């Protein structure tokens, strides 16, 4: 099985938790793509839900698939949000943001009764840190913010796409930071978010309700805190 097969298998398992009448958060990225596609199929089969997306890209896909979307202003809580992750540690803490939507993803995850993460088994790690941690920063005074990040012992790399500065849906930049082993993600989250100019970071600590991981043999395991 290839990577897309595993993402699809995990996504289809996670979407089984969605029921009629739910308010659903739609994640962003190559794994969330498969969840959105399956949700679209279930809507065509008669599933009645309302949804909101964590990125313009996911919102457009949902519209194409006929998933009923409502403004965030009309939502108090999400019953379920389904999203992917770049790394999942043995305490089900995450690194997210490889797709560039970490801030909006975290807003939806925090407002969800069930935040379900879908991955292939290669994303499961003992300790976070092999994947560079995305940190969303405002463009104003970015050099000063980057200097503060360097004080934490990293060399932040401002993300580019197509030879140009990558800009998030919020108009911000992303600095990818290689911290190495992150033994205490909660403490690092606090230190990062105390830096003026940092909007948020890709550490999702204590937010996961379940992780659905697909293995190379096509099997699926569900991990819970």
Protein backbone atom coordinates (compact mmCIF):
# COMPACT_ATOMS: atom_id res chain seq x y z
CA UNK A 1 0.00 0.00 0.00
CA UNK A 2 1.18 3.52 -0.74
CA UNK A 3 0.94 6.54 1.55
CA UNK A 4 -2.36 7.72 0.05
CA UNK A 5 -3.92 4.31 0.64
CA UNK A 6 -3.01 4.47 4.34
CA UNK A 7 -4.30 8.03 4.69
CA UNK A 8 -7.58 7.03 3.06
CA UNK A 9 -8.01 3.99 5.31
CA UNK A 10 -7.42 6.02 8.49
CA UNK A 11 -9.71 8.80 7.28
CA UNK A 12 -12.57 6.47 6.47
CA UNK A 13 -12.36 4.91 9.93
CA UNK A 14 -12.42 8.31 11.64
CA UNK A 15 -15.41 9.53 9.63
CA UNK A 16 -17.46 6.65 11.09
CA UNK A 17 -17.73 8.71 14.31
CA UNK A 18 -19.73 11.41 12.54
CA UNK A 19 -23.49 11.20 13.06
CA UNK A 20 -26.57 13.08 11.86
CA UNK A 21 -26.98 16.53 13.36
CA UNK A 22 -23.31 17.02 14.22
CA UNK A 23 -21.24 20.13 13.67
CA UNK A 24 -17.98 19.02 12.08
CA UNK A 25 -14.58 20.70 11.81
CA UNK A 26 -12.66 19.97 8.63
CA UNK A 27 -8.88 19.83 8.83
CA UNK A 28 -6.26 20.71 6.26
CA UNK A 29 -3.59 18.75 4.42
CA UNK A 30 -3.07 15.57 2.44
CA UNK A 31 -4.60 13.31 5.10
CA UNK A 32 -7.56 15.54 5.96
CA UNK A 33 -8.28 15.62 2.22
CA UNK A 34 -9.36 11.98 2.38
CA UNK A 35 -11.59 12.61 5.37
CA UNK A 36 -13.32 15.48 3.59
CA UNK A 37 -13.85 13.32 0.52
CA UNK A 38 -15.43 10.57 2.63
CA UNK A 39 -17.62 13.08 4.47
CA UNK A 40 -18.78 14.35 1.08
CA UNK A 41 -19.70 10.81 0.07
CA UNK A 42 -21.68 10.31 3.28
CA UNK A 43 -23.51 13.60 2.73
CA UNK A 44 -24.56 12.37 -0.70
CA UNK A 45 -25.74 9.17 1.00
CA UNK A 46 -28.00 11.23 3.28
CA UNK A 47 -25.83 12.30 6.24
CA UNK A 48 -27.14 15.58 7.68
CA UNK A 49 -24.41 17.76 9.20
CA UNK A 50 -23.04 21.26 9.13
CA UNK A 51 -19.33 22.02 8.88
CA UNK A 52 -16.60 24.65 8.88
CA UNK A 53 -13.08 24.33 7.51
CA UNK A 54 -9.66 25.27 8.85
CA UNK A 55 -8.37 26.64 5.53
CA UNK A 56 -9.51 28.18 2.30
CA UNK A 57 -8.25 25.07 0.51
CA UNK A 58 -10.38 22.69 2.58
CA UNK A 59 -13.37 25.01 2.35
CA UNK A 60 -13.21 24.94 -1.45
CA UNK A 61 -12.97 21.15 -1.48
CA UNK A 62 -15.96 20.86 0.86
CA UNK A 63 -18.00 23.18 -1.36
CA UNK A 64 -17.14 21.08 -4.42
CA UNK A 65 -18.31 17.94 -2.61
CA UNK A 66 -21.58 19.46 -1.44
CA UNK A 67 -20.78 19.50 2.29
CA UNK A 68 -23.01 22.12 4.01
CA UNK A 69 -20.78 24.90 5.35
CA UNK A 70 -21.72 27.55 7.90
CA UNK A 71 -19.79 30.61 9.11
CA UNK A 72 -17.67 30.12 12.23
CA UNK A 73 -19.69 32.91 13.83
CA UNK A 74 -22.67 30.53 13.82
CA UNK A 75 -20.78 27.80 15.71
CA UNK A 76 -20.34 27.59 19.45
CA UNK A 77 -18.68 24.17 19.59
CA UNK A 78 -17.77 21.37 17.21
CA UNK A 79 -18.93 17.86 17.98
CA UNK A 80 -16.03 16.42 15.99
CA UNK A 81 -13.00 17.79 14.18
CA UNK A 82 -10.92 15.45 12.03
CA UNK A 83 -7.40 16.40 10.99
CA UNK A 84 -3.98 14.95 10.26
CA UNK A 85 -0.64 15.42 12.03
CA UNK A 86 3.04 15.50 11.16
CA UNK A 87 4.06 13.68 14.35
CA UNK A 88 2.23 11.98 17.23
CA UNK A 89 4.11 11.11 20.42
CA UNK A 90 3.32 8.34 22.89
CA UNK A 91 1.19 10.76 24.96
CA UNK A 92 -0.77 11.72 21.81
CA UNK A 93 0.71 15.21 21.69
CA UNK A 94 1.19 16.45 18.14
CA UNK A 95 3.29 18.51 15.80
CA UNK A 96 1.09 20.05 13.12
CA UNK A 97 1.49 22.81 10.56
CA UNK A 98 3.27 21.13 7.70
CA UNK A 99 0.35 22.21 5.54
CA UNK A 100 0.55 25.78 6.81
CA UNK A 101 -2.80 26.00 8.63
CA UNK A 102 -1.72 25.40 12.23
CA UNK A 103 -3.45 28.43 13.76
CA UNK A 104 -6.87 27.77 12.26
CA UNK A 105 -6.48 24.06 12.93
CA UNK A 106 -5.76 24.74 16.59
CA UNK A 107 -8.74 27.08 16.90
CA UNK A 108 -11.05 24.33 15.62
CA UNK A 109 -9.38 21.58 17.68
CA UNK A 110 -9.69 23.60 20.88
CA UNK A 111 -13.39 24.16 20.25
CA UNK A 112 -14.12 20.46 19.62
CA UNK A 113 -15.62 17.87 21.94
CA UNK A 114 -13.75 15.21 19.96
CA UNK A 115 -10.54 16.06 18.13
CA UNK A 116 -9.70 13.01 16.03
CA UNK A 117 -6.27 12.74 14.41
CA UNK A 118 -5.70 10.53 11.37
CA UNK A 119 -2.21 9.35 10.41
CA UNK A 120 -0.26 6.49 8.90
CA UNK A 121 1.92 4.55 11.31
CA UNK A 122 5.12 6.35 10.24
CA UNK A 123 3.89 9.48 12.05
CA UNK A 124 3.89 7.72 15.43
CA UNK A 125 7.02 8.56 17.44
CA UNK A 126 8.17 8.16 21.01
CA UNK A 127 9.08 11.83 21.40
CA UNK A 128 8.29 14.82 19.19
CA UNK A 129 10.96 16.77 17.37
CA UNK A 130 12.25 15.02 14.26
CA UNK A 131 9.77 17.05 12.21
CA UNK A 132 10.60 20.79 12.25
CA UNK A 133 8.15 22.70 14.42
CA UNK A 134 6.15 25.33 12.51
CA UNK A 135 5.77 28.66 14.31
CA UNK A 136 3.38 31.23 12.86
CA UNK A 137 4.69 34.79 13.13
CA UNK A 138 3.43 38.21 12.04
CA UNK A 139 5.40 39.89 9.22
CA UNK A 140 5.81 43.12 11.21
CA UNK A 141 9.21 43.06 12.89
CA UNK A 142 9.74 39.48 11.75
CA UNK A 143 13.52 39.81 12.03
CA UNK A 144 13.13 40.71 15.71
CA UNK A 145 10.82 37.78 16.33
CA UNK A 146 13.25 35.44 14.55
CA UNK A 147 16.05 36.72 16.77
CA UNK A 148 14.01 35.81 19.84
CA UNK A 149 13.40 32.34 18.44
CA UNK A 150 17.15 31.94 17.94
CA UNK A 151 17.60 32.57 21.66
CA UNK A 152 15.83 29.23 22.19
CA UNK A 153 18.68 27.48 20.40
CA UNK A 154 17.22 27.04 16.93
CA UNK A 155 17.87 28.47 13.47
CA UNK A 156 14.36 29.35 12.27
CA UNK A 157 13.81 29.05 8.52
CA UNK A 158 11.06 31.24 7.09
CA UNK A 159 9.00 28.98 4.85
CA UNK A 160 8.82 29.58 1.11
CA UNK A 161 6.60 28.14 -1.59
CA UNK A 162 7.27 28.39 -5.31
CA UNK A 163 10.27 30.62 -4.67
CA UNK A 164 8.22 33.15 -2.71
CA UNK A 165 7.48 33.73 0.96
CA UNK A 166 4.71 31.41 2.11
CA UNK A 167 1.77 33.40 3.50
CA UNK A 168 -0.88 31.74 5.66
CA UNK A 169 -4.61 32.28 5.24
CA UNK A 170 -4.23 34.78 8.11
CA UNK A 171 -1.61 36.83 6.25
CA UNK A 172 1.25 35.62 8.45
CA UNK A 173 4.55 33.81 7.87
CA UNK A 174 5.75 30.45 9.15
CA UNK A 175 9.17 29.86 10.68
CA UNK A 176 10.14 26.18 10.71
CA UNK A 177 12.27 25.43 13.76
CA UNK A 178 14.31 22.28 14.40
CA UNK A 179 14.36 21.83 18.16
CA UNK A 180 15.50 18.22 18.03
CA UNK A 181 13.98 16.14 20.81
CA UNK A 182 11.06 17.96 22.48
CA UNK A 183 10.79 16.33 25.90
CA UNK A 184 8.38 18.89 27.35
CA UNK A 185 6.05 20.17 24.61
CA UNK A 186 3.79 21.96 27.08
CA UNK A 187 6.65 24.06 28.45
CA UNK A 188 7.96 24.83 24.97
CA UNK A 189 4.50 25.95 23.87
CA UNK A 190 4.40 28.50 26.68
CA UNK A 191 7.91 29.78 25.95
CA UNK A 192 7.18 30.20 22.25
CA UNK A 193 3.85 31.93 22.69
CA UNK A 194 5.34 34.42 25.14
CA UNK A 195 7.50 35.86 22.34
CA UNK A 196 5.96 39.03 20.88
CA UNK A 197 5.30 38.46 17.19
CA UNK A 198 4.57 34.74 17.60
CA UNK A 199 0.92 34.06 16.84
CA UNK A 200 0.98 30.37 17.76
CA UNK A 201 2.98 27.21 17.19
CA UNK A 202 2.39 23.72 15.86
CA UNK A 203 2.49 21.89 19.20
CA UNK A 204 -0.95 20.47 20.06
CA UNK A 205 -0.64 19.38 23.68
CA UNK A 206 -3.37 17.45 25.49
CA UNK A 207 -5.96 18.18 22.79
CA UNK A 208 -6.38 14.76 21.17
CA UNK A 209 -9.47 12.64 21.79
CA UNK A 210 -8.29 9.78 19.58
CA UNK A 211 -5.63 8.95 17.01
CA UNK A 212 -6.54 6.65 14.14
CA UNK A 213 -3.36 5.13 12.68
CA UNK A 214 -3.25 2.97 9.56
CA UNK A 215 -0.53 0.35 9.24
CA UNK A 216 1.28 -0.93 6.17
CA UNK A 217 -0.74 -4.15 6.38
CA UNK A 218 -3.97 -2.18 5.95
CA UNK A 219 -4.95 -2.55 9.59
CA UNK A 220 -6.13 0.33 11.74
CA UNK A 221 -5.53 0.98 15.41
CA UNK A 222 -7.27 3.56 17.55
CA UNK A 223 -5.19 5.20 20.29
CA UNK A 224 -6.71 7.21 23.13
CA UNK A 225 -5.11 9.14 26.02
